[in-house]
Amino acid sequence: QVQLVESGGGRVQPGGSLRLSCAASGFTFSTYAMSWYRQAPGKERELVALSRKTGGTTYADSVKGRFTISRDNAKNTVYLQMNSLKPEDTAVYSCNARTWDLRLYDYWGQGTQVTVSS
């Protein structure tokens, strides 16, 4: 059974930092692209950061230079280090695992709330 379990969310003041973790199980982690998405109230879900199985990364323009995605294939875990947080980063952050093998395999975690407020 596939599971993606996020942790590390919480409330932080503007300018602060948080580190999100997503522990994966039930699939071959190293063969999947791993991503973090976020959805703020009243807004569409957006891609925050992507870690390809080959090691390349992609970031949303709004988080470039502040957020870093990393993965540990030995621990089946993907991380999102978030620095210099802004109130507009407030959202539910969700972990996604995706790959193609004759068909799309697409899995989501339950999400973790990040609130940036003074």
N, C-alpha and C. Protein backbone atom coordinates (compact mmCIF):
# COMPACT_ATOMS: atom_id res chain seq x y z
N GLN A 1 0.84 -1.19 0.00
CA GLN A 1 0.00 0.00 0.00
C GLN A 1 0.88 1.25 0.00
N VAL A 2 0.61 2.15 -0.94
CA VAL A 2 1.38 3.37 -1.05
C VAL A 2 0.98 4.35 0.06
N GLN A 3 1.99 4.91 0.69
CA GLN A 3 1.75 5.96 1.69
C GLN A 3 2.75 7.08 1.53
N LEU A 4 2.27 8.29 1.64
CA LEU A 4 3.09 9.48 1.70
C LEU A 4 2.65 10.24 2.95
N VAL A 5 3.56 10.41 3.89
CA VAL A 5 3.22 11.03 5.16
C VAL A 5 4.08 12.27 5.37
N GLU A 6 3.42 13.43 5.34
CA GLU A 6 4.13 14.70 5.53
C GLU A 6 4.22 15.05 7.01
N SER A 7 5.25 15.78 7.35
CA SER A 7 5.42 16.30 8.70
C SER A 7 6.25 17.57 8.64
N GLY A 8 6.25 18.32 9.74
CA GLY A 8 7.09 19.50 9.84
C GLY A 8 6.37 20.82 9.66
N GLY A 9 5.09 20.77 9.34
CA GLY A 9 4.35 22.01 9.21
C GLY A 9 4.14 22.68 10.55
N GLY A 10 3.62 23.91 10.50
CA GLY A 10 3.36 24.62 11.74
C GLY A 10 3.21 26.10 11.49
N ARG A 11 3.31 26.86 12.57
CA ARG A 11 3.18 28.30 12.50
C ARG A 11 4.54 28.93 12.74
N VAL A 12 4.87 29.92 11.91
CA VAL A 12 6.17 30.57 12.02
C VAL A 12 6.00 32.04 11.68
N GLN A 13 6.87 32.86 12.25
CA GLN A 13 6.82 34.29 11.95
C GLN A 13 7.46 34.58 10.59
N PRO A 14 7.06 35.68 9.97
CA PRO A 14 7.72 36.07 8.70
C PRO A 14 9.23 36.15 8.88
N GLY A 15 9.94 35.63 7.89
CA GLY A 15 11.38 35.58 7.94
C GLY A 15 11.92 34.30 8.55
N GLY A 16 11.04 33.51 9.12
CA GLY A 16 11.46 32.26 9.76
C GLY A 16 11.64 31.13 8.77
N SER A 17 11.94 29.95 9.32
CA SER A 17 12.22 28.76 8.51
C SER A 17 11.44 27.57 9.02
N LEU A 18 11.14 26.67 8.10
CA LEU A 18 10.55 25.37 8.43
C LEU A 18 11.14 24.34 7.49
N ARG A 19 11.17 23.11 7.95
CA ARG A 19 11.61 22.00 7.10
C ARG A 19 10.50 20.96 7.07
N LEU A 20 9.95 20.73 5.89
CA LEU A 20 8.94 19.70 5.71
C LEU A 20 9.59 18.39 5.30
N SER A 21 9.02 17.30 5.76
CA SER A 21 9.47 15.97 5.37
C SER A 21 8.29 15.18 4.82
N CYS A 22 8.57 14.30 3.90
CA CYS A 22 7.56 13.40 3.35
C CYS A 22 8.16 12.00 3.30
N ALA A 23 7.67 11.14 4.16
CA ALA A 23 8.16 9.76 4.21
C ALA A 23 7.28 8.89 3.32
N ALA A 24 7.93 8.19 2.39
CA ALA A 24 7.20 7.38 1.40
C ALA A 24 7.38 5.89 1.66
N SER A 25 6.36 5.13 1.30
CA SER A 25 6.45 3.68 1.40
C SER A 25 5.48 3.06 0.40
N GLY A 26 5.76 1.82 0.04
CA GLY A 26 4.85 1.08 -0.84
C GLY A 26 5.17 1.18 -2.32
N PHE A 27 6.27 1.85 -2.67
CA PHE A 27 6.68 1.93 -4.07
C PHE A 27 8.18 2.15 -4.11
N THR A 28 8.75 2.02 -5.31
CA THR A 28 10.20 2.18 -5.47
C THR A 28 10.52 3.67 -5.58
N PHE A 29 10.84 4.25 -4.45
CA PHE A 29 10.99 5.70 -4.31
C PHE A 29 11.94 6.30 -5.35
N SER A 30 13.06 5.65 -5.58
CA SER A 30 14.10 6.24 -6.43
C SER A 30 13.67 6.36 -7.89
N THR A 31 12.62 5.68 -8.28
CA THR A 31 12.17 5.72 -9.67
C THR A 31 11.06 6.74 -9.91
N TYR A 32 10.72 7.49 -8.87
CA TYR A 32 9.65 8.47 -8.95
C TYR A 32 10.18 9.90 -8.86
N ALA A 33 9.55 10.78 -9.62
CA ALA A 33 9.74 12.21 -9.39
C ALA A 33 8.94 12.58 -8.14
N MET A 34 9.56 13.36 -7.27
CA MET A 34 8.90 13.77 -6.03
C MET A 34 8.73 15.28 -6.04
N SER A 35 7.55 15.72 -5.64
CA SER A 35 7.24 17.15 -5.69
C SER A 35 6.54 17.60 -4.42
N TRP A 36 6.62 18.89 -4.19
CA TRP A 36 5.81 19.56 -3.18
C TRP A 36 4.88 20.52 -3.89
N TYR A 37 3.61 20.45 -3.54
CA TYR A 37 2.60 21.37 -4.01
C TYR A 37 2.04 22.12 -2.80
N ARG A 38 1.37 23.22 -3.08
CA ARG A 38 0.68 23.92 -2.00
C ARG A 38 -0.63 24.49 -2.51
N GLN A 39 -1.55 24.65 -1.58
CA GLN A 39 -2.84 25.24 -1.91
C GLN A 39 -3.26 26.16 -0.78
N ALA A 40 -3.40 27.43 -1.12
CA ALA A 40 -3.86 28.42 -0.17
C ALA A 40 -5.38 28.53 -0.27
N PRO A 41 -6.04 29.02 0.77
CA PRO A 41 -7.51 29.15 0.73
C PRO A 41 -7.96 30.00 -0.45
N GLY A 42 -8.91 29.47 -1.22
CA GLY A 42 -9.45 30.21 -2.34
C GLY A 42 -8.59 30.23 -3.58
N LYS A 43 -7.47 29.50 -3.54
CA LYS A 43 -6.55 29.48 -4.68
C LYS A 43 -6.38 28.06 -5.19
N GLU A 44 -5.91 27.96 -6.44
CA GLU A 44 -5.64 26.66 -7.01
C GLU A 44 -4.34 26.08 -6.45
N ARG A 45 -4.27 24.77 -6.48
CA ARG A 45 -3.03 24.13 -6.06
C ARG A 45 -1.92 24.47 -7.05
N GLU A 46 -0.73 24.72 -6.53
CA GLU A 46 0.40 25.08 -7.39
C GLU A 46 1.63 24.25 -7.04
N LEU A 47 2.44 23.99 -8.05
CA LEU A 47 3.70 23.30 -7.85
C LEU A 47 4.68 24.23 -7.18
N VAL A 48 5.30 23.77 -6.10
CA VAL A 48 6.30 24.55 -5.39
C VAL A 48 7.71 24.13 -5.82
N ALA A 49 7.97 22.82 -5.80
CA ALA A 49 9.30 22.32 -6.12
C ALA A 49 9.20 20.88 -6.57
N LEU A 50 10.10 20.52 -7.50
CA LEU A 50 10.13 19.18 -8.08
C LEU A 50 11.54 18.62 -8.00
N SER A 51 11.65 17.36 -7.60
CA SER A 51 12.92 16.66 -7.62
C SER A 51 12.78 15.46 -8.56
N ARG A 52 13.47 15.52 -9.69
CA ARG A 52 13.38 14.43 -10.66
C ARG A 52 14.16 13.21 -10.18
N LYS A 53 13.81 12.06 -10.68
CA LYS A 53 14.53 10.85 -10.27
C LYS A 53 15.98 10.91 -10.71
N THR A 54 16.27 11.72 -11.73
CA THR A 54 17.64 11.88 -12.21
C THR A 54 18.44 12.87 -11.36
N GLY A 55 17.75 13.59 -10.47
CA GLY A 55 18.43 14.52 -9.58
C GLY A 55 18.19 15.99 -9.88
N GLY A 56 17.65 16.31 -11.06
CA GLY A 56 17.38 17.70 -11.36
C GLY A 56 16.23 18.25 -10.53
N THR A 57 16.21 19.57 -10.38
CA THR A 57 15.16 20.21 -9.59
C THR A 57 14.55 21.38 -10.36
N THR A 58 13.32 21.70 -10.01
CA THR A 58 12.61 22.84 -10.57
C THR A 58 11.86 23.51 -9.44
N TYR A 59 11.81 24.86 -9.49
CA TYR A 59 11.12 25.62 -8.45
C TYR A 59 10.16 26.62 -9.07
N ALA A 60 9.10 26.88 -8.34
CA ALA A 60 8.23 27.99 -8.71
C ALA A 60 9.02 29.29 -8.54
N ASP A 61 8.74 30.25 -9.42
CA ASP A 61 9.47 31.53 -9.34
C ASP A 61 9.32 32.18 -7.97
N SER A 62 8.16 32.00 -7.36
CA SER A 62 7.88 32.66 -6.09
C SER A 62 8.72 32.15 -4.92
N VAL A 63 9.36 30.98 -5.09
CA VAL A 63 10.13 30.41 -3.98
C VAL A 63 11.61 30.26 -4.31
N LYS A 64 12.00 30.57 -5.54
CA LYS A 64 13.41 30.42 -5.93
C LYS A 64 14.31 31.23 -5.00
N GLY A 65 15.38 30.59 -4.56
CA GLY A 65 16.32 31.26 -3.67
C GLY A 65 15.95 31.19 -2.21
N ARG A 66 14.73 30.75 -1.92
CA ARG A 66 14.27 30.63 -0.52
C ARG A 66 14.01 29.18 -0.11
N PHE A 67 13.51 28.39 -1.03
CA PHE A 67 13.15 26.99 -0.74
C PHE A 67 14.14 26.06 -1.43
N THR A 68 14.39 24.92 -0.79
CA THR A 68 15.25 23.90 -1.37
C THR A 68 14.61 22.54 -1.19
N ILE A 69 14.43 21.82 -2.30
CA ILE A 69 13.93 20.46 -2.23
C ILE A 69 15.12 19.50 -2.28
N SER A 70 15.03 18.44 -1.49
CA SER A 70 16.08 17.43 -1.51
C SER A 70 15.43 16.07 -1.24
N ARG A 71 16.15 15.03 -1.61
CA ARG A 71 15.62 13.69 -1.39
C ARG A 71 16.71 12.77 -0.90
N ASP A 72 16.31 11.81 -0.09
CA ASP A 72 17.22 10.78 0.41
C ASP A 72 16.63 9.44 -0.02
N ASN A 73 17.16 8.89 -1.09
CA ASN A 73 16.60 7.64 -1.62
C ASN A 73 16.80 6.47 -0.67
N ALA A 74 17.81 6.55 0.18
CA ALA A 74 18.04 5.48 1.15
C ALA A 74 16.97 5.48 2.24
N LYS A 75 16.43 6.66 2.53
CA LYS A 75 15.41 6.79 3.57
C LYS A 75 14.01 6.95 3.00
N ASN A 76 13.90 6.92 1.67
CA ASN A 76 12.59 7.09 1.01
C ASN A 76 11.89 8.35 1.49
N THR A 77 12.64 9.42 1.55
CA THR A 77 12.10 10.67 2.10
C THR A 77 12.50 11.85 1.22
N VAL A 78 11.56 12.75 1.04
CA VAL A 78 11.83 14.01 0.35
C VAL A 78 11.58 15.15 1.34
N TYR A 79 12.40 16.18 1.22
CA TYR A 79 12.36 17.31 2.15
C TYR A 79 12.10 18.61 1.39
N LEU A 80 11.57 19.57 2.11
CA LEU A 80 11.44 20.93 1.59
C LEU A 80 11.92 21.88 2.68
N GLN A 81 13.10 22.44 2.49
CA GLN A 81 13.62 23.45 3.41
C GLN A 81 13.10 24.80 2.96
N MET A 82 12.40 25.47 3.85
CA MET A 82 11.78 26.75 3.52
C MET A 82 12.38 27.83 4.41
N ASN A 83 13.06 28.78 3.79
CA ASN A 83 13.67 29.89 4.50
C ASN A 83 13.02 31.21 4.10
N SER A 84 13.26 32.22 4.88
CA SER A 84 12.74 33.56 4.59
C SER A 84 11.25 33.51 4.26
N LEU A 85 10.52 32.83 5.09
CA LEU A 85 9.09 32.63 4.83
C LEU A 85 8.31 33.94 4.87
N LYS A 86 7.31 34.00 4.00
CA LYS A 86 6.47 35.17 3.87
C LYS A 86 5.02 34.79 4.17
N PRO A 87 4.19 35.74 4.55
CA PRO A 87 2.77 35.42 4.78
C PRO A 87 2.11 34.76 3.58
N GLU A 88 2.53 35.12 2.38
CA GLU A 88 1.93 34.53 1.18
C GLU A 88 2.35 33.08 0.96
N ASP A 89 3.26 32.57 1.76
CA ASP A 89 3.60 31.15 1.71
C ASP A 89 2.63 30.30 2.51
N THR A 90 1.72 30.93 3.23
CA THR A 90 0.73 30.21 4.01
C THR A 90 -0.14 29.35 3.11
N ALA A 91 -0.19 28.05 3.41
CA ALA A 91 -0.94 27.10 2.57
C ALA A 91 -0.86 25.72 3.19
N VAL A 92 -1.63 24.81 2.62
CA VAL A 92 -1.45 23.39 2.91
C VAL A 92 -0.46 22.85 1.89
N TYR A 93 0.62 22.26 2.39
CA TYR A 93 1.67 21.73 1.53
C TYR A 93 1.51 20.21 1.44
N SER A 94 1.50 19.71 0.20
CA SER A 94 1.30 18.29 -0.03
C SER A 94 2.45 17.70 -0.84
N CYS A 95 2.76 16.48 -0.53
CA CYS A 95 3.81 15.73 -1.20
C CYS A 95 3.18 14.91 -2.32
N ASN A 96 3.89 14.84 -3.45
CA ASN A 96 3.39 14.06 -4.60
C ASN A 96 4.50 13.17 -5.14
N ALA A 97 4.13 11.96 -5.51
CA ALA A 97 5.05 11.03 -6.18
C ALA A 97 4.45 10.66 -7.53
N ARG A 98 5.27 10.73 -8.58
CA ARG A 98 4.72 10.51 -9.92
C ARG A 98 5.76 9.82 -10.80
N THR A 99 5.28 8.87 -11.61
CA THR A 99 6.12 8.26 -12.62
C THR A 99 5.26 7.68 -13.73
N TRP A 100 5.88 7.43 -14.87
CA TRP A 100 5.24 6.78 -16.00
C TRP A 100 5.88 5.41 -16.21
N ASP A 101 5.06 4.39 -16.29
CA ASP A 101 5.50 3.05 -16.64
C ASP A 101 4.32 2.37 -17.31
N LEU A 102 4.17 2.63 -18.59
CA LEU A 102 3.01 2.20 -19.39
C LEU A 102 1.77 3.02 -19.04
N ARG A 103 1.70 3.48 -17.82
CA ARG A 103 0.61 4.37 -17.41
C ARG A 103 1.14 5.30 -16.33
N LEU A 104 0.35 6.32 -16.00
CA LEU A 104 0.74 7.26 -14.96
C LEU A 104 0.47 6.66 -13.59
N TYR A 105 1.48 6.75 -12.73
CA TYR A 105 1.33 6.43 -11.32
C TYR A 105 1.47 7.75 -10.57
N ASP A 106 0.47 8.11 -9.79
CA ASP A 106 0.38 9.45 -9.20
C ASP A 106 -0.20 9.33 -7.80
N TYR A 107 0.62 9.66 -6.79
CA TYR A 107 0.21 9.48 -5.40
C TYR A 107 0.37 10.79 -4.64
N TRP A 108 -0.53 10.99 -3.64
CA TRP A 108 -0.53 12.23 -2.86
C TRP A 108 -0.53 11.92 -1.36
N GLY A 109 0.12 12.79 -0.62
CA GLY A 109 0.01 12.75 0.83
C GLY A 109 -1.21 13.53 1.28
N GLN A 110 -1.41 13.54 2.59
CA GLN A 110 -2.61 14.19 3.14
C GLN A 110 -2.43 15.68 3.33
N GLY A 111 -1.20 16.15 3.31
CA GLY A 111 -0.94 17.58 3.44
C GLY A 111 -0.60 17.99 4.85
N THR A 112 0.16 19.09 4.94
CA THR A 112 0.50 19.66 6.24
C THR A 112 0.37 21.18 6.15
N GLN A 113 -0.20 21.76 7.18
CA GLN A 113 -0.47 23.20 7.17
C GLN A 113 0.78 23.99 7.53
N VAL A 114 1.05 25.00 6.74
CA VAL A 114 2.11 25.97 7.04
C VAL A 114 1.45 27.34 7.14
N THR A 115 1.64 27.99 8.27
CA THR A 115 1.07 29.32 8.49
C THR A 115 2.18 30.29 8.84
N VAL A 116 2.30 31.35 8.06
CA VAL A 116 3.32 32.37 8.29
C VAL A 116 2.61 33.63 8.73
N SER A 117 2.78 33.97 9.98
CA SER A 117 2.05 35.11 10.54
C SER A 117 2.77 35.64 11.77
N SER A 118 2.67 36.94 11.94
CA SER A 118 3.24 37.55 13.14
C SER A 118 2.17 37.65 14.24
